[in-house]
PDB file of N, CA and C in Angstrom:
ATOM      1  N   UNK A   1     -25.022  84.752  28.306  1.00  0.00           N
ATOM      2  CA  UNK A   1     -25.733  83.820  28.974  1.00  0.00           C
ATOM      3  C   UNK A   1     -26.984  84.648  29.681  1.00  0.00           C
ATOM      4  N   UNK A   2     -28.190  83.890  29.543  1.00  0.00           N
ATOM      5  CA  UNK A   2     -29.261  84.462  30.008  1.00  0.00           C
ATOM      6  C   UNK A   2     -29.455  84.334  31.476  1.00  0.00           C
ATOM      7  N   UNK A   3     -29.855  85.250  32.278  1.00  0.00           N
ATOM      8  CA  UNK A   3     -30.035  85.023  33.715  1.00  0.00           C
ATOM      9  C   UNK A   3     -31.120  84.048  33.860  1.00  0.00           C
ATOM     10  N   UNK A   4     -31.340  83.452  35.097  1.00  0.00           N
ATOM     11  CA  UNK A   4     -32.335  82.582  35.383  1.00  0.00           C
ATOM     12  C   UNK A   4     -33.136  83.230  36.510  1.00  0.00           C
ATOM     13  N   UNK A   5     -34.412  83.229  36.514  1.00  0.00           N
ATOM     14  CA  UNK A   5     -35.126  83.673  37.577  1.00  0.00           C
ATOM     15  C   UNK A   5     -36.121  82.410  38.059  1.00  0.00           C
ATOM     16  N   UNK A   6     -35.842  82.018  39.358  1.00  0.00           N
ATOM     17  CA  UNK A   6     -36.644  80.905  39.897  1.00  0.00           C
ATOM     18  C   UNK A   6     -37.665  81.450  40.786  1.00  0.00           C
ATOM     19  N   UNK A   7     -38.912  81.258  40.383  1.00  0.00           N
ATOM     20  CA  UNK A   7     -40.005  81.807  41.148  1.00  0.00           C
ATOM     21  C   UNK A   7     -40.719  80.671  41.949  1.00  0.00           C
ATOM     22  N   UNK A   8     -40.951  81.094  43.259  1.00  0.00           N
ATOM     23  CA  UNK A   8     -41.615  80.085  44.096  1.00  0.00           C
ATOM     24  C   UNK A   8     -42.992  80.570  44.660  1.00  0.00           C
ATOM     25  N   UNK A   9     -44.005  79.786  44.354  1.00  0.00           N
ATOM     26  CA  UNK A   9     -45.325  80.357  44.731  1.00  0.00           C
ATOM     27  C   UNK A   9     -45.542  80.155  46.292  1.00  0.00           C
ATOM     28  N   UNK A  10     -46.630  80.790  46.774  1.00  0.00           N
ATOM     29  CA  UNK A  10     -46.995  80.698  48.123  1.00  0.00           C
ATOM     30  C   UNK A  10     -47.876  79.328  48.537  1.00  0.00           C
ATOM     31  N   UNK A  11     -48.206  79.145  49.754  1.00  0.00           N
ATOM     32  CA  UNK A  11     -48.966  78.121  50.097  1.00  0.00           C
ATOM     33  C   UNK A  11     -50.370  78.100  49.367  1.00  0.00           C
ATOM     34  N   UNK A  12     -50.795  77.044  48.876  1.00  0.00           N
ATOM     35  CA  UNK A  12     -52.094  76.850  48.132  1.00  0.00           C
ATOM     36  C   UNK A  12     -52.091  77.475  46.775  1.00  0.00           C
ATOM     37  N   UNK A  13     -50.919  78.004  46.346  1.00  0.00           N
ATOM     38  CA  UNK A  13     -50.975  78.618  45.125  1.00  0.00           C
ATOM     39  C   UNK A  13     -50.313  77.678  43.998  1.00  0.00           C
ATOM     40  N   UNK A  14     -50.880  77.639  42.874  1.00  0.00           N
ATOM     41  CA  UNK A  14     -50.281  76.893  41.838  1.00  0.00           C
ATOM     42  C   UNK A  14     -49.172  77.812  41.154  1.00  0.00           C
ATOM     43  N   UNK A  15     -48.510  77.235  40.225  1.00  0.00           N
ATOM     44  CA  UNK A  15     -47.389  78.029  39.470  1.00  0.00           C
ATOM     45  C   UNK A  15     -48.059  79.163  38.616  1.00  0.00           C
ATOM     46  N   UNK A  16     -49.350  79.136  38.364  1.00  0.00           N
ATOM     47  CA  UNK A  16     -50.031  80.051  37.682  1.00  0.00           C
ATOM     48  C   UNK A  16     -49.935  81.569  38.317  1.00  0.00           C
ATOM     49  N   UNK A  17     -49.777  81.472  39.691  1.00  0.00           N
ATOM     50  CA  UNK A  17     -49.716  82.745  40.417  1.00  0.00           C
ATOM     51  C   UNK A  17     -48.554  83.663  39.759  1.00  0.00           C
ATOM     52  N   UNK A  18     -47.567  83.079  39.218  1.00  0.00           N
ATOM     53  CA  UNK A  18     -46.561  83.877  38.548  1.00  0.00           C
ATOM     54  C   UNK A  18     -46.714  84.158  37.106  1.00  0.00           C
ATOM     55  N   UNK A  19     -47.843  83.768  36.426  1.00  0.00           N
ATOM     56  CA  UNK A  19     -47.928  84.041  35.075  1.00  0.00           C
ATOM     57  C   UNK A  19     -47.842  85.456  34.621  1.00  0.00           C
ATOM     58  N   UNK A  20     -48.450  86.359  35.451  1.00  0.00           N
ATOM     59  CA  UNK A  20     -48.466  87.747  35.031  1.00  0.00           C
ATOM     60  C   UNK A  20     -46.933  88.279  35.003  1.00  0.00           C
ATOM     61  N   UNK A  21     -46.110  87.714  35.931  1.00  0.00           N
ATOM     62  CA  UNK A  21     -44.773  88.222  36.016  1.00  0.00           C
ATOM     63  C   UNK A  21     -44.022  87.605  34.761  1.00  0.00           C
ATOM     64  N   UNK A  22     -44.259  86.349  34.473  1.00  0.00           N
ATOM     65  CA  UNK A  22     -43.679  85.733  33.287  1.00  0.00           C
ATOM     66  C   UNK A  22     -43.996  86.457  31.999  1.00  0.00           C
ATOM     67  N   UNK A  23     -45.222  86.987  31.862  1.00  0.00           N
ATOM     68  CA  UNK A  23     -45.644  87.681  30.693  1.00  0.00           C
ATOM     69  C   UNK A  23     -44.730  88.924  30.476  1.00  0.00           C
ATOM     70  N   UNK A  24     -44.548  89.720  31.546  1.00  0.00           N
ATOM     71  CA  UNK A  24     -43.734  90.948  31.494  1.00  0.00           C
ATOM     72  C   UNK A  24     -42.303  90.727  31.296  1.00  0.00           C
ATOM     73  N   UNK A  25     -41.731  89.612  31.547  1.00  0.00           N
ATOM     74  CA  UNK A  25     -40.478  89.316  31.451  1.00  0.00           C
ATOM     75  C   UNK A  25     -39.908  89.121  30.012  1.00  0.00           C
ATOM     76  N   UNK A  26     -40.738  88.493  29.271  1.00  0.00           N
ATOM     77  CA  UNK A  26     -40.428  88.224  27.973  1.00  0.00           C
ATOM     78  C   UNK A  26     -39.252  87.151  27.767  1.00  0.00           C
ATOM     79  N   UNK A  27     -38.452  87.232  26.742  1.00  0.00           N
ATOM     80  CA  UNK A  27     -37.427  86.245  26.503  1.00  0.00           C
ATOM     81  C   UNK A  27     -36.081  86.733  26.955  1.00  0.00           C
ATOM     82  N   UNK A  28     -35.975  87.858  27.808  1.00  0.00           N
ATOM     83  CA  UNK A  28     -34.749  88.214  28.281  1.00  0.00           C
ATOM     84  C   UNK A  28     -34.181  87.378  29.469  1.00  0.00           C
ATOM     85  N   UNK A  29     -35.121  86.705  30.120  1.00  0.00           N
ATOM     86  CA  UNK A  29     -34.846  85.930  31.258  1.00  0.00           C
ATOM     87  C   UNK A  29     -35.325  84.438  31.195  1.00  0.00           C
ATOM     88  N   UNK A  30     -34.629  83.521  31.610  1.00  0.00           N
ATOM     89  CA  UNK A  30     -34.925  82.206  31.567  1.00  0.00           C
ATOM     90  C   UNK A  30     -35.810  81.982  32.926  1.00  0.00           C
ATOM     91  N   UNK A  31     -37.178  81.969  32.796  1.00  0.00           N
ATOM     92  CA  UNK A  31     -37.993  81.860  34.031  1.00  0.00           C
ATOM     93  C   UNK A  31     -38.372  80.479  34.235  1.00  0.00           C
ATOM     94  N   UNK A  32     -38.102  80.069  35.497  1.00  0.00           N
ATOM     95  CA  UNK A  32     -38.498  78.649  35.995  1.00  0.00           C
ATOM     96  C   UNK A  32     -39.368  78.768  37.291  1.00  0.00           C
ATOM     97  N   UNK A  33     -40.529  78.126  37.357  1.00  0.00           N
ATOM     98  CA  UNK A  33     -41.333  78.148  38.550  1.00  0.00           C
ATOM     99  C   UNK A  33     -41.412  76.945  39.165  1.00  0.00           C
ATOM    100  N   UNK A  34     -41.170  76.901  40.397  1.00  0.00           N
ATOM    101  CA  UNK A  34     -41.253  75.654  41.402  1.00  0.00           C
ATOM    102  C   UNK A  34     -42.742  75.325  41.630  1.00  0.00           C
ATOM    103  N   UNK A  35     -42.978  74.008  41.838  1.00  0.00           N
ATOM    104  CA  UNK A  35     -44.322  73.568  42.222  1.00  0.00           C
ATOM    105  C   UNK A  35     -44.150  73.205  43.676  1.00  0.00           C
ATOM    106  N   UNK A  36     -44.807  73.727  44.580  1.00  0.00           N
ATOM    107  CA  UNK A  36     -44.648  73.430  45.936  1.00  0.00           C
ATOM    108  C   UNK A  36     -45.975  73.156  46.609  1.00  0.00           C
ATOM    109  N   UNK A  37     -46.811  72.405  45.923  1.00  0.00           N
ATOM    110  CA  UNK A  37     -48.107  71.936  46.337  1.00  0.00           C
ATOM    111  C   UNK A  37     -48.103  70.616  46.941  1.00  0.00           C
ATOM    112  N   UNK A  38     -47.050  69.741  46.764  1.00  0.00           N
ATOM    113  CA  UNK A  38     -47.173  68.346  47.087  1.00  0.00           C
ATOM    114  C   UNK A  38     -46.179  67.911  48.267  1.00  0.00           C
ATOM    115  N   UNK A  39     -45.334  68.719  48.640  1.00  0.00           N
ATOM    116  CA  UNK A  39     -44.282  68.554  49.607  1.00  0.00           C
ATOM    117  C   UNK A  39     -44.792  68.779  51.063  1.00  0.00           C
ATOM    118  N   UNK A  40     -44.284  67.994  51.976  1.00  0.00           N
ATOM    119  CA  UNK A  40     -44.744  68.219  53.356  1.00  0.00           C
ATOM    120  C   UNK A  40     -43.862  69.119  54.205  1.00  0.00           C
ATOM    121  N   UNK A  41     -42.751  69.716  53.783  1.00  0.00           N
ATOM    122  CA  UNK A  41     -41.826  70.518  54.613  1.00  0.00           C
ATOM    123  C   UNK A  41     -41.212  71.591  53.695  1.00  0.00           C
ATOM    124  N   UNK A  42     -40.834  72.546  54.388  1.00  0.00           N
ATOM    125  CA  UNK A  42     -40.089  73.688  53.568  1.00  0.00           C
ATOM    126  C   UNK A  42     -38.809  73.040  52.945  1.00  0.00           C
ATOM    127  N   UNK A  43     -38.118  72.132  53.769  1.00  0.00           N
ATOM    128  CA  UNK A  43     -36.804  71.584  53.151  1.00  0.00           C
ATOM    129  C   UNK A  43     -37.221  70.751  51.916  1.00  0.00           C
ATOM    130  N   UNK A  44     -38.310  69.967  51.983  1.00  0.00           N
ATOM    131  CA  UNK A  44     -38.689  69.213  50.726  1.00  0.00           C
ATOM    132  C   UNK A  44     -39.084  70.160  49.499  1.00  0.00           C
ATOM    133  N   UNK A  45     -39.701  71.170  49.851  1.00  0.00           N
ATOM    134  CA  UNK A  45     -40.063  72.274  48.831  1.00  0.00           C
ATOM    135  C   UNK A  45     -38.696  72.893  48.215  1.00  0.00           C
ATOM    136  N   UNK A  46     -37.782  73.176  49.254  1.00  0.00           N
ATOM    137  CA  UNK A  46     -36.507  73.724  48.628  1.00  0.00           C
ATOM    138  C   UNK A  46     -35.740  72.614  47.713  1.00  0.00           C
ATOM    139  N   UNK A  47     -35.925  71.275  48.086  1.00  0.00           N
ATOM    140  CA  UNK A  47     -35.136  70.294  47.305  1.00  0.00           C
ATOM    141  C   UNK A  47     -35.918  70.304  45.885  1.00  0.00           C
ATOM    142  N   UNK A  48     -37.164  70.345  45.784  1.00  0.00           N
ATOM    143  CA  UNK A  48     -37.875  70.327  44.585  1.00  0.00           C
ATOM    144  C   UNK A  48     -37.632  71.519  43.687  1.00  0.00           C
ATOM    145  N   UNK A  49     -37.543  72.716  44.475  1.00  0.00           N
ATOM    146  CA  UNK A  49     -37.313  74.082  43.733  1.00  0.00           C
ATOM    147  C   UNK A  49     -35.935  74.042  43.196  1.00  0.00           C
ATOM    148  N   UNK A  50     -34.952  73.531  43.969  1.00  0.00           N
ATOM    149  CA  UNK A  50     -33.539  73.491  43.441  1.00  0.00           C
ATOM    150  C   UNK A  50     -33.393  72.672  42.148  1.00  0.00           C
ATOM    151  N   UNK A  51     -34.122  71.599  42.131  1.00  0.00           N
ATOM    152  CA  UNK A  51     -34.071  70.520  40.918  1.00  0.00           C
ATOM    153  C   UNK A  51     -34.408  71.368  39.711  1.00  0.00           C
ATOM    154  N   UNK A  52     -35.198  72.516  39.886  1.00  0.00           N
ATOM    155  CA  UNK A  52     -35.564  73.184  38.613  1.00  0.00           C
ATOM    156  C   UNK A  52     -34.395  73.945  38.011  1.00  0.00           C
ATOM    157  N   UNK A  53     -33.353  74.306  38.854  1.00  0.00           N
ATOM    158  CA  UNK A  53     -32.227  74.929  38.388  1.00  0.00           C
ATOM    159  C   UNK A  53     -30.869  74.125  38.646  1.00  0.00           C
ATOM    160  N   UNK A  54     -30.884  73.019  39.094  1.00  0.00           N
ATOM    161  CA  UNK A  54     -29.659  72.219  39.175  1.00  0.00           C
ATOM    162  C   UNK A  54     -28.890  71.916  38.062  1.00  0.00           C
ATOM    163  N   UNK A  55     -29.505  71.994  36.873  1.00  0.00           N
ATOM    164  CA  UNK A  55     -28.911  71.747  35.641  1.00  0.00           C
ATOM    165  C   UNK A  55     -28.102  72.875  35.131  1.00  0.00           C
ATOM    166  N   UNK A  56     -28.190  74.055  35.703  1.00  0.00           N
ATOM    167  CA  UNK A  56     -27.392  75.258  35.232  1.00  0.00           C
ATOM    168  C   UNK A  56     -26.007  75.182  35.503  1.00  0.00           C
ATOM    169  N   UNK A  57     -25.322  75.717  34.580  1.00  0.00           N
ATOM    170  CA  UNK A  57     -23.780  75.874  34.842  1.00  0.00           C
ATOM    171  C   UNK A  57     -23.556  76.939  36.066  1.00  0.00           C
ATOM    172  N   UNK A  58     -22.511  76.663  36.783  1.00  0.00           N
ATOM    173  CA  UNK A  58     -22.480  77.572  38.090  1.00  0.00           C
ATOM    174  C   UNK A  58     -22.186  79.032  37.685  1.00  0.00           C
ATOM    175  N   UNK A  59     -21.846  79.371  36.531  1.00  0.00           N
ATOM    176  CA  UNK A  59     -21.568  80.651  36.197  1.00  0.00           C
ATOM    177  C   UNK A  59     -22.954  81.487  35.724  1.00  0.00           C
ATOM    178  N   UNK A  60     -24.001  80.768  35.600  1.00  0.00           N
ATOM    179  CA  UNK A  60     -25.297  81.290  35.309  1.00  0.00           C
ATOM    180  C   UNK A  60     -25.811  82.242  36.327  1.00  0.00           C
ATOM    181  N   UNK A  61     -26.153  83.523  36.070  1.00  0.00           N
ATOM    182  CA  UNK A  61     -26.769  84.357  37.109  1.00  0.00           C
ATOM    183  C   UNK A  61     -28.098  83.860  37.606  1.00  0.00           C
ATOM    184  N   UNK A  62     -28.243  83.590  38.724  1.00  0.00           N
ATOM    185  CA  UNK A  62     -29.536  83.057  39.303  1.00  0.00           C
ATOM    186  C   UNK A  62     -30.109  83.946  40.419  1.00  0.00           C
ATOM    187  N   UNK A  63     -31.381  84.365  40.059  1.00  0.00           N
ATOM    188  CA  UNK A  63     -32.097  85.167  41.009  1.00  0.00           C
ATOM    189  C   UNK A  63     -33.308  84.216  41.432  1.00  0.00           C
ATOM    190  N   UNK A  64     -33.637  84.203  42.780  1.00  0.00           N
ATOM    191  CA  UNK A  64     -34.572  83.445  43.459  1.00  0.00           C
ATOM    192  C   UNK A  64     -35.625  84.523  43.935  1.00  0.00           C
ATOM    193  N   UNK A  65     -37.011  84.208  43.781  1.00  0.00           N
ATOM    194  CA  UNK A  65     -38.032  85.079  44.312  1.00  0.00           C
ATOM    195  C   UNK A  65     -39.027  84.115  44.897  1.00  0.00           C
ATOM    196  N   UNK A  66     -39.569  84.467  46.197  1.00  0.00           N
ATOM    197  CA  UNK A  66     -40.563  83.654  46.785  1.00  0.00           C
ATOM    198  C   UNK A  66     -41.649  84.541  47.328  1.00  0.00           C
ATOM    199  N   UNK A  67     -42.852  84.143  47.072  1.00  0.00           N
ATOM    200  CA  UNK A  67     -44.186  84.765  47.563  1.00  0.00           C
ATOM    201  C   UNK A  67     -44.710  84.048  48.633  1.00  0.00           C
ATOM    202  N   UNK A  68     -44.940  84.757  49.781  1.00  0.00           N
ATOM    203  CA  UNK A  68     -45.490  84.267  50.957  1.00  0.00           C
ATOM    204  C   UNK A  68     -44.723  82.957  51.522  1.00  0.00           C
ATOM    205  N   UNK A  69     -45.402  81.815  51.581  1.00  0.00           N
ATOM    206  CA  UNK A  69     -44.526  80.707  52.099  1.00  0.00           C
ATOM    207  C   UNK A  69     -43.469  80.329  51.162  1.00  0.00           C
ATOM    208  N   UNK A  70     -43.612  80.685  49.872  1.00  0.00           N
ATOM    209  CA  UNK A  70     -42.468  80.552  48.887  1.00  0.00           C
ATOM    210  C   UNK A  70     -41.098  81.417  49.386  1.00  0.00           C
ATOM    211  N   UNK A  71     -41.392  82.330  50.125  1.00  0.00           N
ATOM    212  CA  UNK A  71     -40.266  83.176  50.726  1.00  0.00           C
ATOM    213  C   UNK A  71     -39.552  82.326  51.724  1.00  0.00           C
ATOM    214  N   UNK A  72     -40.211  81.574  52.506  1.00  0.00           N
ATOM    215  CA  UNK A  72     -39.429  80.615  53.356  1.00  0.00           C
ATOM    216  C   UNK A  72     -38.584  79.604  52.571  1.00  0.00           C
ATOM    217  N   UNK A  73     -39.158  79.204  51.465  1.00  0.00           N
ATOM    218  CA  UNK A  73     -38.462  78.171  50.620  1.00  0.00           C
ATOM    219  C   UNK A  73     -37.240  78.870  49.945  1.00  0.00           C
ATOM    220  N   UNK A  74     -37.442  80.177  49.601  1.00  0.00           N
ATOM    221  CA  UNK A  74     -36.366  80.987  48.996  1.00  0.00           C
ATOM    222  C   UNK A  74     -35.224  81.181  50.041  1.00  0.00           C
ATOM    223  N   UNK A  75     -35.622  81.380  51.250  1.00  0.00           N
ATOM    224  CA  UNK A  75     -34.590  81.586  52.309  1.00  0.00           C
ATOM    225  C   UNK A  75     -33.853  80.324  52.694  1.00  0.00           C
ATOM    226  N   UNK A  76     -34.484  79.242  52.527  1.00  0.00           N
ATOM    227  CA  UNK A  76     -34.008  77.918  52.655  1.00  0.00           C
ATOM    228  C   UNK A  76     -32.966  77.691  51.628  1.00  0.00           C
ATOM    229  N   UNK A  77     -33.347  77.971  50.262  1.00  0.00           N
ATOM    230  CA  UNK A  77     -32.446  77.807  49.233  1.00  0.00           C
ATOM    231  C   UNK A  77     -31.165  78.580  49.371  1.00  0.00           C
ATOM    232  N   UNK A  78     -31.386  79.869  49.875  1.00  0.00           N
ATOM    233  CA  UNK A  78     -30.268  80.819  50.106  1.00  0.00           C
ATOM    234  C   UNK A  78     -29.318  80.235  51.150  1.00  0.00           C
ATOM    235  N   UNK A  79     -29.899  79.661  52.143  1.00  0.00           N
ATOM    236  CA  UNK A  79     -28.987  78.960  53.261  1.00  0.00           C
ATOM    237  C   UNK A  79     -28.217  77.825  52.681  1.00  0.00           C
ATOM    238  N   UNK A  80     -28.760  77.066  51.690  1.00  0.00           N
ATOM    239  CA  UNK A  80     -28.153  75.823  51.254  1.00  0.00           C
ATOM    240  C   UNK A  80     -27.099  76.091  50.054  1.00  0.00           C
ATOM    241  N   UNK A  81     -27.670  77.113  49.183  1.00  0.00           N
ATOM    242  CA  UNK A  81     -26.952  77.326  47.962  1.00  0.00           C
ATOM    243  C   UNK A  81     -26.574  78.771  47.727  1.00  0.00           C
ATOM    244  N   UNK A  82     -26.309  79.429  48.867  1.00  0.00           N
ATOM    245  CA  UNK A  82     -26.023  80.979  48.746  1.00  0.00           C
ATOM    246  C   UNK A  82     -24.962  81.299  47.781  1.00  0.00           C
ATOM    247  N   UNK A  83     -24.118  80.474  47.618  1.00  0.00           N
ATOM    248  CA  UNK A  83     -22.954  80.917  46.582  1.00  0.00           C
ATOM    249  C   UNK A  83     -23.525  80.936  45.123  1.00  0.00           C
ATOM    250  N   UNK A  84     -24.527  80.365  44.868  1.00  0.00           N
ATOM    251  CA  UNK A  84     -25.036  80.212  43.466  1.00  0.00           C
ATOM    252  C   UNK A  84     -26.198  81.300  43.288  1.00  0.00           C
ATOM    253  N   UNK A  85     -26.729  81.891  44.388  1.00  0.00           N
ATOM    254  CA  UNK A  85     -27.968  82.750  44.205  1.00  0.00           C
ATOM    255  C   UNK A  85     -27.318  84.316  44.179  1.00  0.00           C
ATOM    256  N   UNK A  86     -27.575  84.923  43.095  1.00  0.00           N
ATOM    257  CA  UNK A  86     -27.064  86.319  42.947  1.00  0.00           C
ATOM    258  C   UNK A  86     -27.948  87.207  43.555  1.00  0.00           C
ATOM    259  N   UNK A  87     -29.224  87.032  43.638  1.00  0.00           N
ATOM    260  CA  UNK A  87     -30.159  87.893  44.332  1.00  0.00           C
ATOM    261  C   UNK A  87     -31.365  87.169  44.860  1.00  0.00           C
ATOM    262  N   UNK A  88     -31.990  87.769  45.710  1.00  0.00           N
ATOM    263  CA  UNK A  88     -33.131  87.095  46.438  1.00  0.00           C
ATOM    264  C   UNK A  88     -34.304  88.076  46.437  1.00  0.00           C
ATOM    265  N   UNK A  89     -35.533  87.737  46.089  1.00  0.00           N
ATOM    266  CA  UNK A  89     -36.612  88.599  46.265  1.00  0.00           C
ATOM    267  C   UNK A  89     -37.646  87.854  47.136  1.00  0.00           C
ATOM    268  N   UNK A  90     -38.048  88.647  48.192  1.00  0.00           N
ATOM    269  CA  UNK A  90     -38.979  88.093  49.033  1.00  0.00           C
ATOM    270  C   UNK A  90     -40.397  89.016  48.957  1.00  0.00           C
ATOM    271  N   UNK A  91     -41.426  88.409  48.560  1.00  0.00           N
ATOM    272  CA  UNK A  91     -42.588  89.097  48.419  1.00  0.00           C
ATOM    273  C   UNK A  91     -43.679  88.686  49.461  1.00  0.00           C
ATOM    274  N   UNK A  92     -44.115  89.593  50.190  1.00  0.00           N
ATOM    275  CA  UNK A  92     -45.280  89.376  51.162  1.00  0.00           C
ATOM    276  C   UNK A  92     -44.891  88.116  51.997  1.00  0.00           C
ATOM    277  N   UNK A  93     -43.778  88.070  52.519  1.00  0.00           N
ATOM    278  CA  UNK A  93     -43.271  86.985  53.440  1.00  0.00           C
ATOM    279  C   UNK A  93     -42.543  87.447  54.627  1.00  0.00           C
ATOM    280  N   UNK A  94     -42.085  86.555  55.464  1.00  0.00           N
ATOM    281  CA  UNK A  94     -41.410  86.794  56.716  1.00  0.00           C
ATOM    282  C   UNK A  94     -39.828  86.656  56.200  1.00  0.00           C
ATOM    283  N   UNK A  95     -39.067  87.334  56.727  1.00  0.00           N
ATOM    284  CA  UNK A  95     -37.561  87.428  56.446  1.00  0.00           C
ATOM    285  C   UNK A  95     -36.906  86.492  57.447  1.00  0.00           C
ATOM    286  N   UNK A  96     -37.516  85.416  57.936  1.00  0.00           N
ATOM    287  CA  UNK A  96     -37.050  84.447  58.873  1.00  0.00           C
ATOM    288  C   UNK A  96     -37.271  83.057  58.301  1.00  0.00           C
ATOM    289  N   UNK A  97     -36.311  82.168  58.841  1.00  0.00           N
ATOM    290  CA  UNK A  97     -36.477  80.654  58.450  1.00  0.00           C
ATOM    291  C   UNK A  97     -37.681  80.192  59.087  1.00  0.00           C
ATOM    292  N   UNK A  98     -38.230  79.133  58.752  1.00  0.00           N
ATOM    293  CA  UNK A  98     -39.418  78.553  59.319  1.00  0.00           C
ATOM    294  C   UNK A  98     -39.129  78.119  60.714  1.00  0.00           C
ATOM    295  N   UNK A  99     -40.074  78.415  61.675  1.00  0.00           N
ATOM    296  CA  UNK A  99     -39.891  77.903  62.995  1.00  0.00           C
ATOM    297  C   UNK A  99     -40.898  76.763  63.312  1.00  0.00           C
ATOM    298  N   UNK A 100     -40.753  76.035  64.342  1.00  0.00           N
ATOM    299  CA  UNK A 100     -41.702  75.001  64.748  1.00  0.00           C
ATOM    300  C   UNK A 100     -43.196  75.520  64.747  1.00  0.00           C
ATOM    301  N   UNK A 101     -43.242  76.710  65.387  1.00  0.00           N
ATOM    302  CA  UNK A 101     -44.633  77.234  65.434  1.00  0.00           C
ATOM    303  C   UNK A 101     -45.181  77.628  64.134  1.00  0.00           C
ATOM    304  N   UNK A 102     -44.480  78.178  63.196  1.00  0.00           N
ATOM    305  CA  UNK A 102     -44.895  78.441  61.828  1.00  0.00           C
ATOM    306  C   UNK A 102     -45.248  77.248  61.190  1.00  0.00           C
ATOM    307  N   UNK A 103     -44.452  76.156  61.381  1.00  0.00           N
ATOM    308  CA  UNK A 103     -44.742  74.924  60.565  1.00  0.00           C
ATOM    309  C   UNK A 103     -46.062  74.324  61.046  1.00  0.00           C
ATOM    310  N   UNK A 104     -46.312  74.461  62.383  1.00  0.00           N
ATOM    311  CA  UNK A 104     -47.524  73.820  63.026  1.00  0.00           C
ATOM    312  C   UNK A 104     -48.835  74.613  62.452  1.00  0.00           C
ATOM    313  N   UNK A 105     -48.617  76.003  62.244  1.00  0.00           N
ATOM    314  CA  UNK A 105     -49.701  76.790  61.791  1.00  0.00           C
ATOM    315  C   UNK A 105     -49.946  76.444  60.344  1.00  0.00           C
ATOM    316  N   UNK A 106     -48.949  76.159  59.531  1.00  0.00           N
ATOM    317  CA  UNK A 106     -49.139  75.830  58.186  1.00  0.00           C
ATOM    318  C   UNK A 106     -49.790  74.503  58.072  1.00  0.00           C
ATOM    319  N   UNK A 107     -49.351  73.559  59.018  1.00  0.00           N
ATOM    320  CA  UNK A 107     -50.076  72.250  58.954  1.00  0.00           C
ATOM    321  C   UNK A 107     -51.490  72.269  59.313  1.00  0.00           C
ATOM    322  N   UNK A 108     -51.759  73.138  60.352  1.00  0.00           N
ATOM    323  CA  UNK A 108     -53.227  73.444  60.709  1.00  0.00           C
ATOM    324  C   UNK A 108     -53.957  73.996  59.572  1.00  0.00           C
ATOM    325  N   UNK A 109     -53.415  74.931  58.734  1.00  0.00           N
ATOM    326  CA  UNK A 109     -54.143  75.443  57.567  1.00  0.00           C
ATOM    327  C   UNK A 109     -54.433  74.403  56.632  1.00  0.00           C
ATOM    328  N   UNK A 110     -53.411  73.608  56.337  1.00  0.00           N
ATOM    329  CA  UNK A 110     -53.652  72.443  55.388  1.00  0.00           C
ATOM    330  C   UNK A 110     -54.626  71.457  55.746  1.00  0.00           C
ATOM    331  N   UNK A 111     -54.621  71.201  57.023  1.00  0.00           N
ATOM    332  CA  UNK A 111     -55.571  70.234  57.597  1.00  0.00           C
ATOM    333  C   UNK A 111     -57.109  70.777  57.621  1.00  0.00           C
ATOM    334  N   UNK A 112     -57.161  72.024  57.759  1.00  0.00           N
ATOM    335  CA  UNK A 112     -58.527  72.730  57.730  1.00  0.00           C
ATOM    336  C   UNK A 112     -59.059  72.637  56.282  1.00  0.00           C
ATOM    337  N   UNK A 113     -58.378  72.702  55.208  1.00  0.00           N
ATOM    338  CA  UNK A 113     -58.886  72.513  53.885  1.00  0.00           C
ATOM    339  C   UNK A 113     -59.058  71.208  53.359  1.00  0.00           C
ATOM    340  N   UNK A 114     -58.638  70.272  54.106  1.00  0.00           N
ATOM    341  CA  UNK A 114     -58.721  68.762  53.662  1.00  0.00           C
ATOM    342  C   UNK A 114     -60.060  68.268  53.902  1.00  0.00           C
TER     343      UNK A 114
END
């Protein structure tokens, strides 16, 4: 059974941010990339990210990696589905769950770009 790698982009990043990683992994891993551009909360992003792997049999090795804000989403997935996650990769992110202050800062950044 091929392991699955769920990749989660950062804020304002499309799934293309992970394309170089996908290229190097080849066919040894089933790579799935979450789209986190349309949700309004880390929880909603986690829901959508989990939907990318919800079809997997429970014995499938699952590794989750998040970049920047995607790290917050990855941590939320670990909190919700820790028994299913074999390993976690956090890239250029905080190793803490989202706080109200960080949510407000994220919302401010989004509003500035609108």
